[in-house]
Protein backbone atom coordinates (compact mmCIF):
# COMPACT_ATOMS: atom_id res chain seq x y z
CA MET A 1 25.75 -9.97 1.01
CA ASN A 2 22.12 -10.22 2.03
CA PRO A 3 20.33 -7.08 3.33
CA LYS A 4 20.31 -8.29 6.93
CA SER A 5 24.07 -8.92 6.95
CA PHE A 6 24.68 -5.55 5.31
CA ILE A 7 22.71 -3.72 8.03
CA ILE A 8 24.59 -5.54 10.80
CA THR A 9 27.93 -4.75 9.19
CA LEU A 10 26.97 -1.10 8.74
CA PHE A 11 25.89 -0.88 12.38
CA LEU A 12 29.20 -2.36 13.59
CA LEU A 13 31.16 0.06 11.40
CA CYS A 14 29.19 3.02 12.77
CA LEU A 15 29.67 1.82 16.32
CA ASN A 16 33.40 1.48 15.77
CA TYR A 17 33.51 4.95 14.19
CA PHE A 18 31.83 6.59 17.18
CA GLU A 19 34.10 4.73 19.62
CA VAL A 20 37.20 5.86 17.72
CA SER A 21 35.82 9.42 17.47
CA ALA A 22 35.20 9.52 21.22
CA GLN A 23 38.71 8.25 21.89
CA GLU A 24 40.18 10.83 19.50
CA SER A 25 38.13 13.61 21.14
CA SER A 26 39.44 12.56 24.56
CA VAL A 27 43.02 12.47 23.29
CA ASN A 28 42.53 15.84 21.61
CA LEU A 29 41.21 17.54 24.74
CA GLN A 30 43.87 16.04 26.97
CA GLN A 31 46.51 17.08 24.46
CA LYS A 32 45.11 20.62 24.34
CA LEU A 33 45.15 20.82 28.15
CA THR A 34 48.73 19.56 28.21
CA GLU A 35 49.74 22.28 25.76
CA LEU A 36 47.99 24.96 27.82
CA PHE A 37 49.34 23.69 31.16
CA PRO A 38 52.63 21.94 30.29
CA LYS A 39 53.72 21.52 33.92
CA ALA A 40 50.36 20.27 35.20
CA ILE A 41 49.53 16.74 36.30
CA ILE A 42 46.43 15.91 34.25
CA THR A 43 44.31 12.89 35.15
CA ARG A 44 41.12 11.58 33.57
CA ILE A 45 38.40 11.21 36.23
CA ASP A 46 34.82 9.95 36.37
CA ASN A 47 32.41 12.14 34.44
CA LEU A 48 29.84 14.28 36.12
CA GLU A 49 26.28 13.81 34.92
CA ASN A 50 25.81 14.65 31.21
CA TYR A 51 29.48 15.48 30.59
CA THR A 52 31.57 13.68 27.98
CA GLU A 53 34.98 14.08 29.67
CA SER A 54 36.26 15.19 33.07
CA TYR A 55 39.81 15.87 34.24
CA GLN A 56 41.66 16.76 37.42
CA LEU A 57 44.48 19.21 36.84
CA ILE A 58 47.16 19.85 39.44
CA LEU A 59 48.80 23.11 38.47
CA ASP A 60 52.21 24.34 39.49
CA GLU A 61 50.85 27.68 40.75
CA PRO A 62 53.15 30.57 41.72
CA LEU A 63 52.99 31.55 45.39
CA ASP A 64 53.49 35.14 44.27
CA HIS A 65 52.39 36.00 40.74
CA LYS A 66 54.56 39.14 40.70
CA HIS A 67 57.62 37.12 41.78
CA PRO A 68 57.31 33.58 40.40
CA GLU A 69 60.86 32.85 41.50
CA LYS A 70 59.58 32.63 45.09
CA GLY A 71 58.21 29.17 44.48
CA THR A 72 55.00 27.32 43.70
CA PHE A 73 52.28 25.23 45.29
CA GLN A 74 50.07 22.47 43.92
CA HIS A 75 46.73 23.92 42.86
CA TYR A 76 43.79 21.59 42.13
CA ILE A 77 41.15 22.33 39.49
CA TYR A 78 38.50 20.12 37.88
CA LEU A 79 37.39 20.48 34.28
CA SER A 80 34.23 18.88 32.87
CA HIS A 81 33.72 19.06 29.11
CA LEU A 82 30.66 19.22 26.87
CA GLY A 83 31.86 21.07 23.79
CA TYR A 84 34.32 23.75 22.74
CA ASP A 85 31.50 25.97 21.51
CA ARG A 86 29.38 25.62 24.67
CA PRO A 87 29.28 28.27 27.42
CA THR A 88 31.86 27.68 30.15
CA VAL A 89 31.24 28.18 33.86
CA ILE A 90 34.13 28.85 36.21
CA GLU A 91 33.18 28.19 39.80
CA THR A 92 35.35 30.27 42.10
CA HIS A 93 35.17 28.10 45.20
CA GLY A 94 35.94 29.98 48.39
CA TYR A 95 37.29 26.94 50.19
CA ASN A 96 38.21 23.38 49.22
CA THR A 97 36.36 21.62 46.42
CA GLU A 98 35.80 18.35 44.64
CA ASN A 99 34.35 17.85 41.17
CA ILE A 100 30.73 18.83 41.91
CA LYS A 101 28.33 20.16 39.28
CA SER A 102 27.07 23.68 39.96
CA GLU A 103 23.48 24.76 39.43
CA VAL A 104 24.59 27.31 36.86
CA SER A 105 26.37 24.64 34.82
CA SER A 106 23.16 22.59 34.79
CA LEU A 107 20.96 25.55 33.88
CA LEU A 108 23.16 26.55 30.96
CA GLN A 109 24.36 23.07 29.91
CA ALA A 110 27.85 24.47 30.10
CA ASN A 111 31.40 23.24 30.41
CA GLN A 112 32.58 23.62 33.99
CA VAL A 113 35.88 24.59 35.59
CA ALA A 114 35.83 24.16 39.38
CA VAL A 115 38.81 25.86 41.01
CA GLU A 116 39.85 25.20 44.58
CA TYR A 117 40.83 28.36 46.45
CA ARG A 118 44.56 28.63 47.02
CA PHE A 119 45.79 27.22 50.36
CA TYR A 120 42.55 25.29 51.04
CA GLY A 121 41.85 21.57 50.81
CA LYS A 122 44.31 19.66 48.64
CA SER A 123 45.80 22.97 47.48
CA ARG A 124 47.15 23.75 50.95
CA PRO A 125 50.94 23.83 51.29
CA ASN A 126 52.52 22.87 54.59
CA PRO A 127 53.41 25.16 56.17
CA ILE A 128 51.23 27.96 54.81
CA GLN A 129 53.13 31.09 53.85
CA TRP A 130 50.42 33.46 54.99
CA GLU A 131 51.69 36.52 53.14
CA TYR A 132 50.63 34.87 49.86
CA LEU A 133 47.08 34.11 51.03
CA THR A 134 45.52 37.25 49.61
CA ASN A 135 42.53 37.85 47.39
CA ASP A 136 44.69 39.53 44.77
CA GLN A 137 46.91 36.45 44.47
CA ALA A 138 43.86 34.19 44.26
CA ILE A 139 42.30 36.35 41.55
CA GLU A 140 45.52 36.07 39.53
CA ASP A 141 45.12 32.28 39.80
CA TYR A 142 41.63 32.52 38.30
CA HIS A 143 42.63 35.06 35.66
CA ASN A 144 45.52 32.95 34.37
CA ILE A 145 43.37 29.79 34.25
CA VAL A 146 40.58 31.55 32.35
CA THR A 147 42.99 33.29 29.97
CA LYS A 148 44.50 29.96 28.97
CA LEU A 149 41.25 28.02 28.71
CA LYS A 150 39.69 30.72 26.54
CA LYS A 151 42.06 29.56 23.80
CA ILE A 152 40.00 26.39 23.42
CA TYR A 153 36.63 27.30 24.95
CA LEU A 154 35.35 30.03 22.64
CA GLY A 155 31.77 30.41 23.91
CA LYS A 156 30.48 32.74 26.61
CA TRP A 157 32.04 32.60 30.08
CA ILE A 158 30.15 32.76 33.37
CA SER A 159 31.64 32.96 36.85
CA THR A 160 29.77 31.65 39.87
CA GLY A 161 30.38 30.73 43.49
CA ILE A 162 28.54 30.22 46.75
CA SER A 163 29.01 32.31 49.92
CA LYS A 164 32.75 33.07 50.15
CA GLY A 165 33.03 31.65 46.65
CA GLY A 166 30.36 34.09 45.47
CA GLU A 167 32.24 36.90 47.17
CA THR A 168 35.33 35.73 45.27
CA ALA A 169 33.36 35.91 42.02
CA LEU A 170 32.50 39.55 42.82
CA ILE A 171 36.11 40.39 43.68
CA TYR A 172 37.22 38.72 40.45
CA LYS A 173 34.66 40.70 38.45
CA SER A 174 35.81 43.97 40.03
CA ILE A 175 39.47 43.35 39.10
CA TYR A 176 39.05 41.66 35.69
CA PRO A 177 35.59 42.76 34.49
CA ASN A 178 36.15 41.39 30.97
CA ASP A 179 37.30 37.89 31.89
CA VAL A 180 33.72 36.64 32.06
CA ASP A 181 30.54 37.73 30.30
CA VAL A 182 28.27 37.18 33.30
CA ALA A 183 28.83 36.73 37.03
CA MET A 184 26.26 34.81 39.06
CA PRO A 185 27.19 34.80 42.78
CA TYR A 186 25.03 32.97 45.30
CA VAL A 187 24.42 34.27 48.87
CA ALA A 188 27.59 36.38 48.66
CA PRO A 189 28.31 38.92 51.39
CA LEU A 190 30.49 41.99 51.04
CA ILE A 191 31.42 42.67 54.65
CA ASN A 192 32.27 46.14 55.91
CA THR A 193 34.33 45.50 59.06
CA CYS A 194 35.92 42.77 61.19
CA GLU A 195 32.64 42.63 63.12
CA ASP A 196 29.99 43.93 60.77
CA PRO A 197 27.14 45.20 62.99
CA ARG A 198 24.55 44.49 60.30
CA THR A 199 24.66 40.77 61.11
CA ILE A 200 23.63 41.37 64.72
CA GLU A 201 20.97 43.84 63.65
CA HIS A 202 19.66 41.14 61.31
CA THR A 203 19.38 38.49 64.04
CA ARG A 204 17.62 41.00 66.30
CA THR A 205 14.98 41.95 63.71
CA VAL A 206 14.42 39.02 61.31
CA GLY A 207 11.43 36.70 61.73
CA THR A 208 8.88 37.21 64.49
CA PRO A 209 9.44 38.55 68.03
CA GLU A 210 8.13 35.21 69.36
CA CYS A 211 10.71 33.24 67.38
CA ARG A 212 13.57 35.50 68.46
CA ALA A 213 12.45 35.13 72.09
CA LYS A 214 12.55 31.33 71.72
CA ILE A 215 16.09 31.57 70.35
CA THR A 216 17.27 33.59 73.35
CA ALA A 217 15.46 31.29 75.78
CA PHE A 218 17.14 28.28 74.16
CA GLN A 219 20.60 29.88 74.41
CA ARG A 220 20.07 30.59 78.08
CA ALA A 221 18.70 27.10 78.77
CA VAL A 222 21.84 25.49 77.34
CA LEU A 223 24.12 27.58 79.57
CA GLN A 224 21.89 27.19 82.62
CA ASN A 225 22.26 23.42 82.14
CA ARG A 226 25.92 23.70 81.27
CA GLU A 227 27.32 20.69 83.17
CA ALA A 228 24.69 18.25 81.95
CA VAL A 229 25.00 19.50 78.36
CA LEU A 230 28.79 19.25 78.57
CA ASP A 231 28.49 15.60 79.61
CA VAL A 232 26.43 14.91 76.48
CA PHE A 233 28.92 16.92 74.42
CA LYS A 234 31.85 14.85 75.70
CA GLY A 235 30.00 11.61 74.99
CA PHE A 236 29.32 12.84 71.46
CA SER A 237 33.02 13.62 70.94
CA VAL A 238 33.99 10.09 72.01
CA GLU A 239 31.44 8.57 69.66
CA LYS A 240 32.62 10.71 66.74
CA LYS A 241 36.33 10.39 67.68
CA MET A 242 36.75 14.16 67.91
CA GLN A 243 39.35 15.91 70.03
CA PHE A 244 38.86 19.35 71.59
CA MET A 245 42.32 20.37 72.76
CA GLU A 246 42.63 23.59 70.74
CA VAL A 247 39.19 24.84 71.81
CA PRO A 248 38.27 22.96 75.02
CA PHE A 249 34.74 21.65 75.57
CA ALA A 250 33.51 24.37 77.93
CA GLU A 251 34.77 27.14 75.67
CA ALA A 252 33.45 25.43 72.53
CA LEU A 253 30.02 25.18 74.15
CA GLU A 254 29.91 28.91 74.88
CA TYR A 255 30.96 29.75 71.33
CA ALA A 256 28.34 27.38 69.93
CA VAL A 257 25.66 29.11 72.04
CA LEU A 258 26.81 32.52 70.79
CA GLU A 259 26.88 31.22 67.22
CA PHE A 260 23.36 29.80 67.48
CA PRO A 261 21.28 32.86 66.37
CA PHE A 262 23.55 33.54 63.39
CA SER A 263 23.44 29.92 62.20
CA PHE A 264 19.72 29.53 62.95
CA TRP A 265 18.78 32.24 60.47
CA GLN A 266 21.61 31.44 58.08
CA TRP A 267 20.55 27.82 57.58
CA GLY A 268 16.79 28.18 57.78
CA GLY A 269 16.08 26.96 61.31
CA LYS A 270 12.42 26.29 62.12
CA CYS A 271 11.04 28.05 65.18
CA GLU A 272 8.65 25.23 65.98
CA GLU A 273 11.60 22.83 66.30
CA ILE A 274 13.42 24.79 69.02
CA PRO A 275 13.30 22.68 72.20
CA PRO A 276 11.54 24.14 75.26
CA VAL A 277 13.62 25.46 78.15
CA ASN A 278 12.77 22.36 80.23
CA ALA A 279 14.06 19.95 77.55
CA SER A 280 16.60 17.31 78.54
CA ALA A 281 20.32 18.01 78.27
CA LYS A 282 20.51 15.63 75.30
CA GLU A 283 17.66 17.42 73.51
CA LEU A 284 19.33 20.76 74.10
CA PHE A 285 22.70 19.51 72.87
CA ASP A 286 21.29 17.69 69.86
CA TYR A 287 19.47 20.76 68.60
CA LEU A 288 22.45 23.03 69.23
CA ASN A 289 24.57 20.57 67.29
CA LYS A 290 22.02 20.34 64.48
CA ILE A 291 22.04 24.11 63.93
CA VAL A 292 25.64 25.04 64.72
CA GLY A 293 27.60 21.83 64.26
CA VAL A 294 29.83 21.63 67.34
CA GLY A 295 32.33 19.64 65.29
CA THR A 296 33.38 23.00 63.87
CA TYR A 297 35.42 23.53 67.03
CA ASN A 298 37.24 20.19 67.10
CA ASP A 299 40.97 20.10 66.50
CA LYS A 300 40.74 18.80 62.94
CA MET A 301 38.27 21.44 61.78
CA SER A 302 40.06 24.20 63.70
CA PHE A 303 43.07 23.41 61.54
CA VAL A 304 40.98 23.22 58.34
CA TYR A 305 39.41 26.66 58.89
CA LEU A 306 42.61 28.55 59.75
CA PRO A 307 42.96 30.00 56.20
CA SER A 308 39.36 31.21 56.30
CA TYR A 309 39.76 33.08 59.58
CA TYR A 310 43.03 34.56 58.35
CA GLN A 311 41.32 35.96 55.26
CA HIS A 312 38.28 37.24 57.12
CA LEU A 313 40.40 39.08 59.66
CA SER A 314 42.86 40.49 57.12
CA GLU A 315 40.77 41.49 54.06
CA LEU A 316 37.24 40.07 53.89
CA GLY A 317 35.81 41.22 57.22
CA TYR A 318 33.52 39.05 59.33
CA TYR A 319 30.80 39.09 61.98
CA GLY A 320 30.87 39.45 65.73
CA PHE A 321 28.97 37.53 68.39
CA ASP A 322 26.02 39.13 70.17
CA LEU A 323 26.96 38.65 73.83
CA GLU A 324 24.08 40.65 75.30
CA PRO A 325 21.36 37.95 75.57
CA VAL A 326 23.61 35.62 77.61
CA SER A 327 26.32 37.88 79.01
CA ASP A 328 25.46 37.04 82.63
CA LEU A 329 25.88 33.30 81.91
CA LEU A 330 29.23 33.40 80.11
CA THR A 331 32.24 32.27 82.16
CA ILE A 332 34.93 31.97 79.47
CA VAL A 333 34.14 33.99 76.34
CA LYS A 334 34.42 37.73 76.95
CA SER A 335 35.08 39.02 73.44
CA SER A 336 32.66 39.25 70.51
CA SER A 337 35.48 38.65 68.01
CA ASN A 338 36.21 35.52 65.97
CA ALA A 339 39.95 36.21 66.37
CA ARG A 340 40.12 33.28 68.80
CA PHE A 341 40.04 30.92 65.82
CA ALA A 342 42.67 32.64 63.67
CA PRO A 343 46.24 31.32 63.24
CA LYS A 344 48.43 32.19 66.22
CA ASP A 345 51.81 32.25 64.49
CA VAL A 346 51.20 35.31 62.34
CA THR A 347 50.36 38.96 62.84
CA ILE A 348 47.06 39.80 61.15
CA LYS A 349 46.24 43.37 60.23
CA TYR A 350 42.81 44.18 58.81
CA ASN A 351 42.58 46.23 55.62
CA PRO A 352 39.21 48.07 55.74
CA LYS A 353 39.58 49.44 52.20
CA TYR A 354 39.73 46.16 50.29
CA ILE A 355 36.08 45.07 50.26
CA LYS A 356 34.79 48.65 50.19
CA LYS A 357 36.56 49.05 46.83
CA VAL A 358 34.88 45.87 45.55
CA ARG A 359 31.49 47.05 46.81
CA LYS A 360 31.95 50.44 45.10
CA TYR A 361 32.65 48.73 41.79
CA VAL A 362 29.81 46.19 41.79
CA GLU A 363 27.21 48.67 43.04
CA ASN A 364 28.14 51.39 40.55
CA LYS A 365 29.63 49.58 37.54
CA GLY A 366 28.84 45.89 38.00
CA ASP A 367 26.87 45.15 34.85
CA LYS A 368 25.67 41.62 34.06
CA ILE A 369 25.83 40.36 37.63
CA LEU A 370 22.94 38.16 38.76
CA TYR A 371 22.72 37.93 42.57
CA ILE A 372 20.88 35.13 44.38
CA TYR A 373 19.96 35.57 48.09
CA GLY A 374 17.77 34.19 50.83
CA GLY A 375 16.07 36.95 52.82
CA TYR A 376 16.38 35.20 56.20
CA ASP A 377 20.06 34.34 55.67
CA THR A 378 22.22 36.32 58.10
CA TRP A 379 24.72 37.02 55.31
CA PHE A 380 21.99 38.70 53.28
CA SER A 381 22.39 41.66 55.64
CA CYS A 382 25.80 42.25 54.04
CA SER A 383 24.68 41.97 50.43
CA PRO A 384 25.52 44.70 47.92
CA THR A 385 22.73 46.71 46.30
CA PRO A 386 23.44 47.70 42.68
CA LYS A 387 22.41 51.21 41.67
CA PRO A 388 19.34 51.54 39.38
CA ASN A 389 21.49 52.48 36.37
CA VAL A 390 23.53 49.25 36.63
CA ASP A 391 22.48 46.37 34.36
CA ALA A 392 22.29 43.82 37.19
CA LEU A 393 19.61 41.66 38.77
CA LYS A 394 19.33 40.95 42.51
CA MET A 395 16.91 38.14 43.34
CA VAL A 396 15.89 37.61 46.98
CA LEU A 397 13.76 34.70 48.18
CA PRO A 398 11.98 36.41 51.11
CA GLN A 399 12.32 33.62 53.69
CA GLY A 400 15.17 31.81 52.00
CA SER A 401 18.31 30.63 53.76
CA HIS A 402 22.00 30.35 52.82
CA SER A 403 20.98 27.27 50.83
CA THR A 404 18.82 29.32 48.43
CA ARG A 405 19.20 28.33 44.78
CA VAL A 406 17.37 29.22 41.57
CA LYS A 407 15.27 26.07 41.88
CA ASN A 408 13.80 27.38 45.17
CA PHE A 409 12.23 30.48 43.56
CA PRO A 410 8.65 30.60 42.25
CA GLU A 411 8.21 29.75 38.57
CA ASN A 412 7.84 33.38 37.48
CA ASP A 413 11.07 34.34 39.23
CA GLN A 414 12.90 31.38 37.69
CA LYS A 415 11.71 32.55 34.28
CA LEU A 416 13.00 36.07 34.96
CA ILE A 417 16.38 34.64 35.98
CA MET A 418 16.66 32.48 32.87
CA ASP A 419 15.42 35.24 30.55
CA THR A 420 18.00 37.62 32.01
CA LEU A 421 20.81 35.09 31.56
CA LYS A 422 19.70 34.44 27.98
CA LYS A 423 19.62 38.18 27.21
CA TRP A 424 23.11 38.72 28.64
CA LEU A 425 24.61 35.65 26.97
CA ASP A 426 23.08 36.01 23.50
């Protein structure tokens, strides 16, 4: 065999070896997952960027972990694999999820387990048995998943989540502090009451007085031009094929106006973009829709968000609307509560002790928690503040919004974040 033929043959043998090795690795991981979750439906799915394998698992999850005989529901999780010795990130989504790569997974080049919250998205049984939609039941879901996966993923574990998902990461940490080595919640509130007054105080004091005055003037302009704005609203609903039977147009408009200050600061609204009070009805509606998203109140989304409102009004707490700036212009909405959007077929009783217990833990004992916040975000007003003796790091981007991520911080702050993670994970 001449040298050239030998090199070609060697190359083909190597190529075949790596193809066989990759196939064996895939079979091995799928087999391991099948052994860990023998009742699960496990499907190979398209890889996320830089991962070698990705799977959708549909678990047969107990409705009640203390009484598994009461039945199960289908629970969706997504696993993306890099290596058994790599760190593993569990993203405790607060709502529905797909297989989306988290910032933490990218920063740490980690395996990722994205878990849909029970009774949301594809993991929603019909009908919902509301008594099993509790944080404690959800945390048992996460704990059992992590406990099993730790048998094959032997590196460090990090929990993360955004907003309600970040709050879930904090609740999880408070109940099972040793399940993960580090928790990294993003823009996570810990809310004190059904209508936490700190959110209204935030919208009344954040930014400049001139900007807050423009917000109020805009709210009033929308309601003072109610009929014309409603006509635009109805045209929009036809175009988007949205129905507003559950929350009729006129009521939805008032709620959107009341929601406007909260969402403006939450999502980083720009004061210079607020339309003047003499703007056209279409301009007023379009900007209201841009900030609030009136589609939130359509029948489809009202149904989607029922589990969220149930949880907020039973255990998590929520915010109330500030009626004062427009009280003389309201004709339908008379209450500051979000209870209007909660499920009607169940009695909801708020437990004020639940989140206070979580707050007490993370502020006094919550070591190795790295908090990410935007200072303008309305939910920042409900953020926990760890005591000086706690080995935690709270990073706040002064004018950041609910979309604040590590990549938005100045370079020195990003270095501090990464150095802290490295210290905790080494």
